Each structure stands twice: as C-alpha cells, then as structure tokens.
Protein backbone atom coordinates (compact mmCIF):
# COMPACT_ATOMS: atom_id res chain seq x y z
CA MET A 1 -94.47 87.82 60.23
CA THR A 2 -96.29 88.95 63.38
CA SER A 3 -96.93 92.64 63.88
CA PRO A 4 -95.41 94.39 66.95
CA ASN A 5 -97.52 94.32 70.10
CA ILE A 6 -98.42 97.57 71.82
CA TYR A 7 -95.27 97.42 73.98
CA GLU A 8 -93.02 97.24 70.94
CA ARG A 9 -94.26 100.38 69.19
CA HIS A 10 -92.06 103.44 69.54
CA LEU A 11 -90.68 102.21 72.87
CA ASP A 12 -87.12 101.64 71.75
CA LYS A 13 -83.87 101.89 73.64
CA ASN A 14 -82.15 105.27 73.41
CA ARG A 15 -79.45 107.21 75.27
CA ALA A 16 -82.00 108.56 77.72
CA ASN A 17 -83.42 105.23 78.86
CA PHE A 18 -80.64 102.65 78.38
CA THR A 19 -77.05 102.54 79.64
CA ALA A 20 -74.70 99.59 79.38
CA LEU A 21 -74.25 97.91 82.76
CA SER A 22 -70.68 98.46 83.94
CA PRO A 23 -68.94 98.71 87.32
CA LEU A 24 -67.24 101.87 86.01
CA THR A 25 -70.37 103.84 86.88
CA TYR A 26 -69.93 102.81 90.52
CA ILE A 27 -66.67 104.67 91.08
CA GLU A 28 -67.98 107.72 89.21
CA ARG A 29 -70.99 107.95 91.54
CA THR A 30 -69.07 107.27 94.73
CA ALA A 31 -66.39 109.85 93.91
CA ALA A 32 -69.15 112.43 93.32
CA VAL A 33 -71.23 111.61 96.40
CA TYR A 34 -68.47 110.71 98.89
CA PRO A 35 -65.36 112.48 97.54
CA ASP A 36 -63.70 112.92 100.96
CA PHE A 37 -64.47 109.44 102.28
CA PRO A 38 -61.53 107.00 102.49
CA SER A 39 -61.16 104.59 99.57
CA VAL A 40 -57.83 102.75 99.75
CA VAL A 41 -55.38 102.24 102.63
CA TYR A 42 -51.91 100.74 102.26
CA ASN A 43 -49.31 101.28 104.99
CA ASP A 44 -48.82 105.07 105.15
CA ARG A 45 -50.70 105.71 101.90
CA ARG A 46 -54.32 106.77 102.32
CA TYR A 47 -56.55 107.88 99.48
CA THR A 48 -60.04 109.37 99.30
CA TRP A 49 -62.57 108.39 96.66
CA ALA A 50 -61.92 111.66 94.79
CA GLU A 51 -58.20 110.85 94.72
CA THR A 52 -58.65 107.23 93.65
CA TYR A 53 -61.06 108.24 90.87
CA ALA A 54 -58.60 110.88 89.62
CA ARG A 55 -55.76 108.34 89.62
CA CYS A 56 -57.89 105.84 87.68
CA ARG A 57 -58.76 108.52 85.11
CA ARG A 58 -55.09 109.46 84.81
CA LEU A 59 -54.24 105.81 84.15
CA ALA A 60 -56.98 105.55 81.52
CA GLY A 61 -55.91 108.76 79.81
CA ALA A 62 -52.25 107.79 79.76
CA LEU A 63 -53.01 104.38 78.25
CA ALA A 64 -55.35 105.93 75.67
CA SER A 65 -52.73 108.50 74.65
CA ARG A 66 -50.34 105.61 73.99
CA GLY A 67 -52.84 104.02 71.62
CA ILE A 68 -54.22 101.38 73.99
CA GLY A 69 -57.98 100.98 73.72
CA ARG A 70 -60.89 98.68 72.90
CA GLY A 71 -59.88 95.07 72.44
CA ASP A 72 -56.36 95.59 73.81
CA THR A 73 -55.06 93.69 76.83
CA VAL A 74 -53.23 95.35 79.71
CA SER A 75 -51.56 92.84 82.03
CA ILE A 76 -50.49 93.48 85.61
CA ILE A 77 -48.66 91.31 88.10
CA ALA A 78 -48.85 92.70 91.61
CA ALA A 79 -49.65 91.97 95.23
CA ASN A 80 -52.77 93.46 96.81
CA ILE A 81 -51.60 97.07 96.54
CA PRO A 82 -53.35 100.29 95.38
CA GLU A 83 -51.99 100.09 91.83
CA LEU A 84 -53.75 96.78 91.23
CA TYR A 85 -56.97 98.20 92.67
CA GLU A 86 -56.74 101.24 90.38
CA ALA A 87 -56.12 99.05 87.34
CA HIS A 88 -59.56 97.50 87.81
CA PHE A 89 -61.05 100.86 86.80
CA GLY A 90 -58.35 102.69 84.83
CA VAL A 91 -57.75 99.89 82.30
CA PRO A 92 -61.43 99.40 81.30
CA MET A 93 -61.96 103.21 81.35
CA ALA A 94 -59.50 103.25 78.44
CA GLY A 95 -61.67 100.61 76.74
CA ALA A 96 -59.02 97.94 77.30
CA VAL A 97 -59.24 94.56 79.06
CA LEU A 98 -57.53 93.94 82.41
CA ASN A 99 -55.44 90.80 82.80
CA ALA A 100 -54.35 90.39 86.43
CA ILE A 101 -51.71 87.66 86.48
CA ASN A 102 -51.35 85.09 89.25
CA THR A 103 -48.25 86.08 91.24
CA ARG A 104 -47.28 82.46 91.92
CA LEU A 105 -46.87 81.45 88.28
CA ASP A 106 -43.49 80.57 86.84
CA ALA A 107 -41.76 82.39 83.98
CA PRO A 108 -42.80 80.05 81.11
CA ILE A 109 -46.50 80.34 82.02
CA ILE A 110 -46.29 84.14 82.42
CA ALA A 111 -44.60 84.30 79.01
CA PHE A 112 -47.38 82.14 77.55
CA ILE A 113 -50.05 84.44 79.03
CA LEU A 114 -48.43 87.61 77.68
CA GLU A 115 -48.29 86.09 74.20
CA HIS A 116 -51.71 84.41 74.28
CA ALA A 117 -53.43 87.54 75.63
CA GLU A 118 -51.58 89.67 73.06
CA SER A 119 -50.76 92.09 75.88
CA LYS A 120 -49.94 95.67 74.86
CA ALA A 121 -48.70 96.73 78.31
CA LEU A 122 -47.47 95.04 81.48
CA ILE A 123 -47.45 96.70 84.92
CA VAL A 124 -44.94 95.07 87.30
CA ASP A 125 -44.74 95.05 91.11
CA PRO A 126 -41.04 95.00 92.19
CA GLU A 127 -41.66 91.87 94.28
CA PHE A 128 -42.16 89.89 91.08
CA SER A 129 -39.55 91.56 88.86
CA GLY A 130 -37.29 88.49 88.97
CA VAL A 131 -39.78 86.05 87.48
CA VAL A 132 -41.12 88.70 85.09
CA LYS A 133 -37.60 89.39 83.81
CA GLU A 134 -37.29 85.67 82.97
CA ALA A 135 -40.72 85.69 81.32
CA LEU A 136 -39.90 88.73 79.19
CA ALA A 137 -36.75 86.98 77.97
CA GLN A 138 -38.87 84.00 76.88
CA ALA A 139 -41.87 85.86 75.44
CA ASP A 140 -41.96 87.09 71.87
CA LYS A 141 -43.14 90.58 72.85
CA PRO A 142 -40.58 93.12 71.59
CA ASP A 143 -43.08 96.03 71.59
CA LEU A 144 -44.56 95.38 75.04
CA LEU A 145 -44.78 98.53 77.17
CA VAL A 146 -43.41 97.58 80.60
CA ILE A 147 -44.29 99.83 83.56
CA ASP A 148 -42.61 99.56 86.96
CA ILE A 149 -44.49 100.06 90.21
CA GLU A 150 -42.39 101.68 92.94
CA ASP A 151 -43.24 100.66 96.50
CA PRO A 152 -41.19 102.33 99.25
CA SER A 153 -42.37 99.71 101.73
CA PHE A 154 -40.84 96.86 99.70
CA ASP A 155 -37.10 96.28 99.63
CA GLY A 156 -35.64 94.66 96.55
CA GLY A 157 -36.61 94.06 92.96
CA GLU A 158 -35.37 95.83 89.87
CA LYS A 159 -36.85 98.11 87.25
CA LEU A 160 -37.60 96.42 83.96
CA GLY A 161 -39.56 99.00 82.00
CA ALA A 162 -39.48 102.25 80.13
CA LEU A 163 -41.18 104.23 82.89
CA THR A 164 -42.67 104.00 86.37
CA TYR A 165 -46.36 103.75 87.22
CA GLU A 166 -46.40 107.24 88.75
CA ALA A 167 -44.67 108.65 85.64
CA LEU A 168 -47.36 107.01 83.51
CA LEU A 169 -50.08 108.58 85.66
CA ALA A 170 -48.39 111.96 85.28
CA GLU A 171 -49.00 111.65 81.51
CA GLY A 172 -52.76 111.28 82.10
CA ASP A 173 -55.49 113.81 82.78
CA PRO A 174 -57.38 113.53 86.11
CA GLU A 175 -60.41 114.83 84.16
CA PHE A 176 -60.01 112.30 81.33
CA GLU A 177 -63.36 111.85 79.56
CA TRP A 178 -63.70 108.09 79.63
CA SER A 179 -66.77 106.41 78.19
CA LEU A 180 -68.82 103.34 78.98
CA PRO A 181 -68.48 100.30 76.72
CA GLY A 182 -70.47 100.37 73.52
CA ASP A 183 -72.00 97.08 74.60
CA GLU A 184 -72.23 95.67 78.13
CA TRP A 185 -71.18 92.34 76.59
CA ASP A 186 -67.75 93.90 75.85
CA ALA A 187 -64.88 92.25 77.69
CA ILE A 188 -63.70 93.88 80.91
CA ALA A 189 -61.26 91.29 82.28
CA LEU A 190 -59.25 88.23 81.31
CA ASN A 191 -58.37 85.66 83.99
CA TYR A 192 -56.30 82.56 83.37
CA THR A 193 -57.24 79.34 85.10
CA SER A 194 -54.50 77.80 87.22
CA GLY A 195 -54.26 74.80 84.91
CA THR A 196 -52.59 71.77 86.48
CA THR A 197 -51.75 70.21 83.14
CA GLY A 198 -50.87 72.03 79.93
CA ASN A 199 -51.35 75.74 79.41
CA PRO A 200 -54.01 77.66 81.38
CA LYS A 201 -57.22 78.80 79.68
CA GLY A 202 -58.12 82.48 79.42
CA VAL A 203 -61.55 83.16 80.96
CA VAL A 204 -63.24 86.30 79.58
CA TYR A 205 -65.57 88.46 81.72
CA HIS A 206 -67.93 91.15 80.40
CA HIS A 207 -68.97 94.49 81.95
CA ARG A 208 -72.50 93.27 82.62
CA GLY A 209 -71.40 90.26 84.66
CA ALA A 210 -68.83 92.27 86.60
CA ALA A 211 -71.43 94.89 87.53
CA LEU A 212 -74.02 92.32 88.54
CA ASN A 213 -71.72 90.20 90.66
CA ALA A 214 -70.24 93.28 92.34
CA THR A 215 -73.69 94.31 93.59
CA SER A 216 -74.66 90.69 94.21
CA ASN A 217 -71.77 90.46 96.72
CA ILE A 218 -73.35 93.29 98.74
CA LEU A 219 -76.85 91.79 98.68
CA THR A 220 -75.60 88.31 99.46
CA TRP A 221 -73.42 89.39 102.36
CA GLY A 222 -75.67 92.14 103.65
CA MET A 223 -72.79 94.61 103.53
CA PRO A 224 -73.67 98.00 105.03
CA GLN A 225 -72.41 101.06 103.18
CA HIS A 226 -68.86 102.21 103.97
CA SER A 227 -67.72 98.74 105.02
CA VAL A 228 -64.00 98.21 105.69
CA TYR A 229 -62.71 95.34 103.56
CA LEU A 230 -59.33 93.67 104.15
CA TRP A 231 -57.58 92.28 101.05
CA THR A 232 -56.62 88.79 102.22
CA LEU A 233 -57.99 87.33 98.97
CA PRO A 234 -55.65 87.85 95.98
CA MET A 235 -57.00 90.60 93.72
CA PHE A 236 -55.77 88.59 90.73
CA HIS A 237 -58.04 85.69 91.65
CA CYS A 238 -61.29 86.12 89.66
CA ASN A 239 -60.66 89.88 89.98
CA GLY A 240 -60.80 89.47 93.74
CA TRP A 241 -64.24 87.83 93.40
CA CYS A 242 -65.36 91.17 91.89
CA PHE A 243 -64.76 92.95 95.23
CA PRO A 244 -62.71 95.83 93.74
CA TRP A 245 -65.93 96.87 92.01
CA THR A 246 -68.05 95.91 95.05
CA MET A 247 -66.11 98.32 97.26
CA ALA A 248 -66.72 101.13 94.77
CA VAL A 249 -70.49 100.72 94.83
CA ASN A 250 -70.30 100.22 98.61
CA ALA A 251 -68.27 103.45 99.00
CA GLY A 252 -66.20 101.48 101.47
CA VAL A 253 -62.52 101.19 102.33
CA SER A 254 -60.10 98.71 100.77
CA VAL A 255 -57.32 97.89 103.22
CA CYS A 256 -54.45 96.56 101.10
CA LEU A 257 -52.14 93.86 102.40
CA ARG A 258 -48.99 92.65 100.65
CA ALA A 259 -48.52 89.43 102.61
CA VAL A 260 -51.23 87.22 104.10
CA ARG A 261 -49.94 86.39 107.59
CA ASP A 262 -51.75 86.14 110.91
CA GLU A 263 -50.03 89.06 112.71
CA PRO A 264 -50.71 91.79 110.09
CA ILE A 265 -54.26 90.50 109.60
CA TYR A 266 -55.11 90.71 113.30
CA ARG A 267 -53.37 94.12 113.47
CA ALA A 268 -55.54 95.36 110.59
CA PHE A 269 -58.64 94.01 112.37
CA ARG A 270 -57.78 96.21 115.37
CA GLU A 271 -56.26 99.32 113.83
CA GLU A 272 -58.41 99.69 110.70
CA LYS A 273 -61.59 98.28 112.27
CA VAL A 274 -61.98 95.77 109.43
CA THR A 275 -65.56 94.57 109.02
CA HIS A 276 -65.22 92.10 106.11
CA PHE A 277 -62.61 89.87 104.50
CA CYS A 278 -62.50 86.93 102.09
CA GLY A 279 -60.21 83.96 101.80
CA ALA A 280 -59.80 80.27 101.20
CA PRO A 281 -60.39 77.91 104.14
CA ILE A 282 -56.60 77.74 104.54
CA VAL A 283 -56.67 81.43 105.59
CA LEU A 284 -59.41 80.77 108.15
CA ASN A 285 -57.46 77.79 109.43
CA MET A 286 -54.33 79.94 109.83
CA LEU A 287 -56.29 82.57 111.80
CA ALA A 288 -58.05 79.97 113.95
CA ASN A 289 -54.72 78.39 114.92
CA ALA A 290 -52.81 81.65 115.44
CA PRO A 291 -51.34 82.37 118.90
CA ASP A 292 -54.00 83.54 121.34
CA ALA A 293 -51.98 86.70 122.03
CA LEU A 294 -52.79 87.92 118.50
CA LYS A 295 -56.52 87.35 118.71
CA LYS A 296 -57.49 90.73 120.08
CA PHE A 297 -60.30 92.71 118.45
CA ASP A 298 -63.50 94.12 119.93
CA HIS A 299 -65.97 94.28 117.05
CA ASP A 300 -67.91 91.89 114.81
CA ILE A 301 -66.18 90.70 111.64
CA LYS A 302 -67.60 88.81 108.68
CA ALA A 303 -65.58 86.35 106.64
CA MET A 304 -66.51 84.93 103.24
CA THR A 305 -64.79 81.68 102.34
CA ALA A 306 -64.61 79.50 99.25
CA GLY A 307 -62.12 77.39 97.35
CA ALA A 308 -62.22 73.97 98.91
CA PRO A 309 -65.20 73.11 101.12
CA PRO A 310 -64.26 74.45 104.59
CA PRO A 311 -64.10 71.84 107.34
CA ALA A 312 -66.90 72.28 109.89
CA ALA A 313 -64.32 72.27 112.68
CA VAL A 314 -62.60 75.36 111.22
CA ILE A 315 -65.90 77.26 110.88
CA GLU A 316 -66.75 76.38 114.48
CA LYS A 317 -63.41 77.81 115.70
CA MET A 318 -63.81 81.04 113.71
CA GLU A 319 -67.30 81.68 115.01
CA ALA A 320 -66.17 81.01 118.58
CA MET A 321 -63.76 83.96 118.10
CA GLY A 322 -66.52 86.28 116.91
CA ILE A 323 -65.94 86.00 113.17
CA ASN A 324 -69.16 85.11 111.32
CA VAL A 325 -68.44 82.89 108.32
CA THR A 326 -70.41 82.90 105.06
CA HIS A 327 -69.63 80.01 102.75
CA VAL A 328 -69.77 80.63 99.00
CA TYR A 329 -68.82 78.60 95.96
CA GLY A 330 -67.89 79.38 92.41
CA LEU A 331 -65.22 79.11 89.76
CA THR A 332 -63.05 81.43 87.69
CA GLU A 333 -65.63 80.84 84.97
CA THR A 334 -68.41 82.28 87.16
CA TYR A 335 -66.74 85.54 88.25
CA GLY A 336 -65.83 83.94 91.57
CA PRO A 337 -68.67 83.35 94.03
CA SER A 338 -71.98 82.41 92.42
CA VAL A 339 -73.51 80.10 95.04
CA VAL A 340 -74.00 80.93 98.73
CA CYS A 341 -74.99 79.05 101.85
CA ALA A 342 -77.78 81.55 102.58
CA TRP A 343 -78.30 81.58 106.32
CA LYS A 344 -81.73 81.24 107.91
CA ASP A 345 -82.52 82.70 111.32
CA GLY A 346 -84.19 79.49 112.40
CA TRP A 347 -80.78 77.79 112.36
CA ASN A 348 -79.38 80.13 115.04
CA ASP A 349 -80.90 78.03 117.81
CA LYS A 350 -78.96 74.93 116.76
CA GLY A 351 -75.76 73.89 118.51
CA ALA A 352 -72.39 75.17 117.30
CA ALA A 353 -71.44 71.87 115.64
CA GLU A 354 -74.79 71.57 113.85
CA ARG A 355 -74.59 75.21 112.65
CA ALA A 356 -71.09 74.58 111.35
CA ALA A 357 -72.27 71.45 109.51
CA LEU A 358 -75.02 73.48 107.82
CA LYS A 359 -72.51 76.17 106.80
CA VAL A 360 -70.27 73.61 105.11
CA ARG A 361 -72.89 73.20 102.38
CA GLN A 362 -72.36 75.36 99.29
CA GLY A 363 -76.02 76.38 99.21
CA VAL A 364 -78.24 78.18 96.73
CA LYS A 365 -77.71 80.44 93.74
CA TYR A 366 -76.40 83.99 94.08
CA VAL A 367 -78.80 86.84 93.29
CA ALA A 368 -77.03 87.28 89.94
CA LEU A 369 -77.15 83.58 88.97
CA SER A 370 -80.32 82.41 87.23
CA GLY A 371 -79.84 78.64 87.14
CA LEU A 372 -78.21 76.03 89.41
CA MET A 373 -78.69 72.28 89.28
CA VAL A 374 -77.05 68.98 90.12
CA ALA A 375 -77.56 66.61 87.20
CA ASP A 376 -76.39 63.48 85.45
CA PRO A 377 -73.72 64.81 83.04
CA GLU A 378 -74.76 62.33 80.34
CA THR A 379 -78.55 62.81 80.36
CA MET A 380 -78.64 66.33 81.92
CA GLU A 381 -81.47 65.06 84.13
CA PRO A 382 -81.44 66.56 87.66
CA VAL A 383 -80.57 64.07 90.40
CA PRO A 384 -83.05 63.39 93.22
CA ALA A 385 -82.91 66.00 96.02
CA ASP A 386 -82.00 63.38 98.61
CA GLY A 387 -78.62 64.62 99.79
CA GLU A 388 -77.09 61.34 98.62
CA THR A 389 -77.23 60.97 94.84
CA MET A 390 -74.17 62.53 93.25
CA GLY A 391 -74.16 64.46 90.00
CA GLU A 392 -72.30 67.28 88.29
CA ILE A 393 -73.01 70.90 89.26
CA PHE A 394 -74.30 73.07 86.40
CA MET A 395 -74.83 76.85 86.31
CA GLN A 396 -76.55 79.35 84.08
CA GLY A 397 -76.81 83.14 84.03
CA ASN A 398 -75.22 86.54 83.62
CA ILE A 399 -72.21 85.69 85.79
CA VAL A 400 -71.07 82.82 83.60
CA MET A 401 -68.04 83.73 81.47
CA LYS A 402 -68.23 84.78 77.83
CA GLY A 403 -65.98 81.81 77.09
CA TYR A 404 -62.30 80.88 76.80
CA LEU A 405 -60.12 83.27 74.81
CA LYS A 406 -59.10 81.87 71.41
CA ASN A 407 -60.24 78.38 72.46
CA PRO A 408 -63.56 77.54 70.78
CA GLU A 409 -63.22 73.81 71.47
CA ALA A 410 -62.90 74.29 75.24
CA THR A 411 -65.68 76.91 75.18
CA ASP A 412 -68.08 74.56 73.41
CA LYS A 413 -67.20 71.74 75.81
CA ALA A 414 -67.88 73.97 78.85
CA PHE A 415 -71.33 74.98 77.60
CA LYS A 416 -73.52 71.91 77.56
CA GLY A 417 -77.21 71.99 76.69
CA GLY A 418 -77.52 75.65 77.66
CA TRP A 419 -75.63 75.17 80.94
CA PHE A 420 -72.06 75.69 82.15
CA ALA A 421 -70.56 72.37 83.26
CA SER A 422 -68.49 73.00 86.41
CA GLY A 423 -66.67 69.66 86.56
CA ASP A 424 -67.55 69.55 90.28
CA LEU A 425 -69.55 66.73 91.82
CA GLY A 426 -72.19 67.35 94.45
CA VAL A 427 -75.59 66.44 95.86
CA MET A 428 -78.86 68.32 96.18
CA HIS A 429 -80.41 68.35 99.65
CA PRO A 430 -84.20 68.23 100.16
CA ASP A 431 -84.23 71.95 101.10
CA GLY A 432 -82.67 72.92 97.73
CA TYR A 433 -79.15 73.51 99.04
CA ILE A 434 -76.31 71.86 97.14
CA ALA A 435 -73.24 70.35 98.80
CA LEU A 436 -69.99 69.87 96.95
CA LYS A 437 -68.51 66.40 97.25
CA ASP A 438 -65.47 66.59 95.00
CA ARG A 439 -63.95 67.59 91.73
CA SER A 440 -64.81 64.83 89.28
CA LYS A 441 -61.08 64.03 89.09
CA ASP A 442 -60.74 63.91 92.90
CA ILE A 443 -63.42 61.31 93.63
CA ILE A 444 -61.94 58.05 94.95
CA ILE A 445 -63.44 54.82 93.57
CA SER A 446 -62.58 51.94 95.88
CA GLY A 447 -64.00 48.51 95.17
CA GLY A 448 -66.68 50.16 93.00
CA GLU A 449 -67.75 52.50 95.81
CA ASN A 450 -67.42 56.30 95.46
CA ILE A 451 -65.57 57.98 98.34
CA SER A 452 -65.64 61.75 98.70
CA SER A 453 -62.19 63.05 99.66
CA VAL A 454 -63.94 66.11 101.15
CA GLU A 455 -65.88 63.90 103.58
CA VAL A 456 -62.72 62.14 104.78
CA GLU A 457 -60.91 65.48 105.16
CA GLY A 458 -63.80 66.82 107.24
CA ILE A 459 -63.32 63.99 109.73
CA LEU A 460 -59.54 64.46 109.88
CA TYR A 461 -59.96 68.17 110.65
CA LYS A 462 -61.94 67.22 113.76
CA HIS A 463 -58.87 65.52 115.25
CA PRO A 464 -57.27 67.90 117.77
CA ALA A 465 -53.74 67.35 116.42
CA VAL A 466 -54.52 68.05 112.74
CA MET A 467 -53.70 71.46 111.25
CA GLU A 468 -54.34 70.62 107.57
CA ALA A 469 -55.41 67.55 105.66
CA ALA A 470 -55.89 66.47 102.07
CA VAL A 471 -57.06 63.10 100.80
CA VAL A 472 -56.38 61.66 97.34
CA ALA A 473 -56.63 58.31 95.60
CA ARG A 474 -53.72 55.88 95.86
CA PRO A 475 -53.64 53.03 93.30
CA ASP A 476 -54.35 49.64 94.87
CA GLU A 477 -54.14 46.22 93.21
CA LYS A 478 -57.11 44.80 95.11
CA TRP A 479 -59.46 47.79 95.45
CA GLY A 480 -58.45 49.83 92.42
CA GLU A 481 -57.97 52.89 94.62
CA THR A 482 -57.84 53.57 98.34
CA PRO A 483 -57.88 56.89 100.25
CA CYS A 484 -54.43 58.29 101.05
CA ALA A 485 -54.31 61.14 103.58
CA PHE A 486 -51.63 63.83 103.63
CA VAL A 487 -51.60 65.54 107.02
CA GLU A 488 -49.80 68.50 108.58
CA LEU A 489 -49.97 68.49 112.37
CA LYS A 490 -50.33 71.55 114.59
CA PRO A 491 -47.04 72.84 116.04
CA GLY A 492 -46.09 70.70 119.02
CA ALA A 493 -48.87 68.17 118.39
CA GLU A 494 -48.28 64.46 117.95
CA ALA A 495 -50.27 61.72 116.24
CA THR A 496 -49.47 58.45 114.49
CA ASP A 497 -50.87 57.18 111.22
CA ALA A 498 -52.58 54.32 113.08
CA GLU A 499 -54.21 56.80 115.47
CA LEU A 500 -55.61 58.96 112.65
CA ILE A 501 -56.85 55.95 110.67
CA ALA A 502 -58.61 54.61 113.80
CA PHE A 503 -60.12 58.06 114.43
CA CYS A 504 -61.60 58.08 110.91
CA ARG A 505 -62.93 54.54 111.27
CA ASP A 506 -64.64 55.55 114.51
CA ASN A 507 -66.38 58.46 112.80
CA MET A 508 -67.36 57.18 109.34
CA ALA A 509 -67.93 54.03 107.29
CA HIS A 510 -64.80 51.90 107.57
CA PHE A 511 -64.27 51.58 103.81
CA LYS A 512 -64.00 55.37 103.53
CA ALA A 513 -61.20 55.69 106.09
CA PRO A 514 -57.68 56.32 104.71
CA LYS A 515 -55.47 53.26 104.36
CA THR A 516 -52.32 55.41 104.28
CA VAL A 517 -51.28 58.60 106.11
CA VAL A 518 -48.33 60.76 105.07
CA PHE A 519 -47.14 63.56 107.38
CA GLY A 520 -45.66 66.87 106.22
CA ALA A 521 -46.42 70.33 104.81
CA LEU A 522 -48.99 70.43 102.01
CA PRO A 523 -48.31 72.07 98.61
CA LYS A 524 -50.66 74.98 97.84
CA THR A 525 -51.64 77.29 95.02
CA SER A 526 -51.39 81.07 95.30
CA THR A 527 -55.01 81.22 96.48
CA GLY A 528 -54.41 78.73 99.30
CA LYS A 529 -55.91 75.68 97.59
CA ILE A 530 -54.06 72.45 98.28
CA GLN A 531 -52.49 71.12 95.06
CA LYS A 532 -54.04 67.67 94.93
CA PHE A 533 -52.48 66.88 91.57
CA VAL A 534 -49.06 67.04 93.30
CA LEU A 535 -50.30 64.79 96.09
CA ARG A 536 -51.79 62.31 93.62
CA GLU A 537 -48.37 61.92 92.02
CA GLN A 538 -46.80 61.42 95.46
CA ALA A 539 -49.43 58.81 96.33
CA LYS A 540 -48.72 56.92 93.12
CA SER A 541 -45.01 56.75 93.95
CA LEU A 542 -45.45 55.50 97.53
C-alpha cells in the first residue's frame, strides 16, 4: 500500500472548502444580489428575483411539510408558465426529483410515467386536465397528491386535485431553510424519452450535471448578464435544455409563452426586447416563413437550434432577418445540448450560403462535455476525420445521464466501453467538427449504398416552394430501399413530384434523389421533430 503524497496529508474536503455543485445555489445568489431585477414574465404577471425565490421556497416548504423529500418524485404537466419554472427550483429544494411530463403524451403513457416514476405529487396545468383525468383513471395511484394550477389567461379545463398551486404555496414558508443535496450525484430531474415503440425510458439527471450544463449554456452562447430569454422551447424537454437554471445564474428574464406561434413570438421580440430563444428547426422555419408584416424588431436576437439538423436554407433566411443562429446537438441523455457548432471569426467573410453550410454541422464538444468521437460501433475505433466515413457518435462526461430509471439492461447497453452510445450516425471533418448524418434507424440503404435522409432533405429545403420536408426509406424489390420524400409546400406555392425529383437530381448524386414524393402536412412531436416512424409506416403502405 503506497503512503499518501504530500498533497493528500491533512488536505481533506470539509464544509469550508467543498460544496456540492447544484443549480440551486444560482437562484439563492441572484435573489440576494439582484432582488429587484425582473425574473419571470407571463402576460400580466411579472415577478422579481426576490419574489420568484420566495415562491420556490414556499413550494419546497409545502412539499416538505407533506412528507415529500429525498428520493421522491414530483411530476408536473404544464405549458411554459411560471409554475413550471418555479418547480425547477422548489422541487429539488425539498430534496425531491422533478419530473416534467411531455404535454403531447396520451393518457396511457402519462399513467405509465406516474406509476414508473412512483410519483408522490402531480401538478396540473388546466390546459391538460382532460388527458390527465384519463391518465389518473388508468394509473394505480390512489394516494397521489394532485395540485391544480389556476391560469386566468386560459379558458377551460377542470380542477382534478385536492388543492390549487397557490393554496399549496400558502402552506409554505418564504424563508424555508432548504439544503443542498448531500451528494452532487443525487438526482435532480427525471425526463422520459419520447419512445416511438414501447414505453419511454426514464432518464435521470444529477445536480452536478444540471449545474455544469446551465453555466455551459452561458459560456457556449456568450450570453451577457441579464439576458431576456423567450420560452419557445418546451420546459419539459430536457428541462428546457437546462435553461431554467441558466437564467438563474444569468440573473436574466424568462419570458413565458403558452403557445408557440409566429405572432406572439414576434410581439415578444418587440415588446419584451427578447435577446435569446431556443427551438427546433421547425420553429425557425415557421418564423422565417411568417408574413413580412410580423417581422418587425429593431435589435439583435440570438437563436439556438437543435433537434433535427437545420437545413442551410432556413439558417440563411433567419440570419438575413437579423437573427444569429447557433447550432447545437444533444440528446435527452446528455441534458440537452452537449455539442456546438462553435463559430470562428474567420468564417464571417464567407458568403451567406457558405456560412449557412458551416453552421449546419453539429460541431465540437460543449465546455461541460469531456469526450466526443465518431467511431465504429463494433470496434470503438474512431473513424478517419475525412468528412466522409460514417460512424456512431459517442459522448463522455459530466453531462451524460446517471442512467435509465429502473432499467439496468438499457443503462448497460447505452454505456459502451466507457462511452455513451448516441445511436446517431455522423462523420468527423478534418477540422474536428462532427456532422450528423442520420439516426442509425433513419439511414436509407439503396442497392448497398448508404443515403443520408438529412442530405436529401437539405436539398429539398432549397426549393423555393418547399416549406417542410422529411425523407424516409420505402421498401423496394429491386434496390431494397429507396428514398421517399414527404413534403409540405408553402401556402400558395405549387410543385409537382416530378419537379422536386428533378431538382434533387440536379443538385446531388442521382441515386440519392427521392423516387417518390408525397405531399401533405407532416406529423410532429411536441418539440417540433418530424415523426419519421409515422412516415416510415406510410411509406411501407404506399
């Protein structure tokens, strides 16, 4: 046994020199330093940081007094409103774990989540009371504490619970003495994947990862203090990419938005002087194609986008309007964004189309991510950095999940050779930037050749008549699979399938062009991702 070196002798951790990393310290500091600064805005409701902190402490105290604490789950289903923001602090202040439920899920899946998460309490937005009522009837949760949010700006819904959210807060103490987790590895949040087959998996986050990614968002985006952030990204999605906690350390303003539509977004840009917002490419596409009469704002705005790789044509349109786009990439399992297309000043001199093409790449690791590689999933050997050879994307670091709740088999499968296996396929460029090519299940293999659906979609988005496009594999007797494009045209625009196929053939290798085009609206998830599993089934039945 080796003796301690000089740096291991009487230099131990103690209360004076070590504190568990947690985003809860961020709101405590901001409320003390900037108590009168605005924190949350929603319609006529406006809170300061002192008020938001007091409401979070009331929530924590009320939950604690009802016996909810460490290792307990508190679920909430709500739009982007102040109550959901407060839950990101109040629930973990009580020692409990926050489970923000996807508002687009159906009753059987919500019932499954409540049972699987062993939820002790459920906070309900009136907009979703109908589906929650069905879920409660199906779930075996007789002792579940149900709490109703009241929102004067929303008409409809019904009360399902024993008390309202404000009544619960009235039970709590605004000076409640909350404490940090005993271990920064303690769970802070539980997020269920939007599984396309079978039941979703519960992804567990810890305090350390939440704190690190919250600050990493600021460093990555270069956010100045007191930024004004518009909630176009669902707060339930990877805990809003950790931005509830980011805005606390930023001492900024969260502008809440119940519905993601072009008119209220542009109005918020003007009236609240929004500086930052996040969203899937579908949100950017909606804003880029909004009526010109709406596009009135006189200050710089930054957008962060992820989900599906954004088409270069959409990025080009956004930047022409004065909205600077930062492209990030990540998964529920990596606390949201964990890879960023870090911009280099030398690229500013390039043309708009070339800049947009560079921004389409997913990029390099976030400050809080320690490892990123594209490798052969069998050998775990990195692929050549040639921008051509495809492999699976692997990640490693503090912003990789703890694992899947009560699912050791899936957890072990996700962690491979000391890396998290993303299931996404990509390439590594010579400059060290990765580019996503497809989900492994979305790659099209035609006549033995791999075709990236993302590449075909990127060409379709360049056509002036195309609003949205998604490409999937269609079974083919001769080729095995061929690309099938589902396209929604811009209002008033016209195009034929032959015209779009010819356009693709003129702009890429002929074998990659779609053989079939189907016109119509595209099915989407709650976070704006196109549901390719639905389209694959449609393609099979053609």
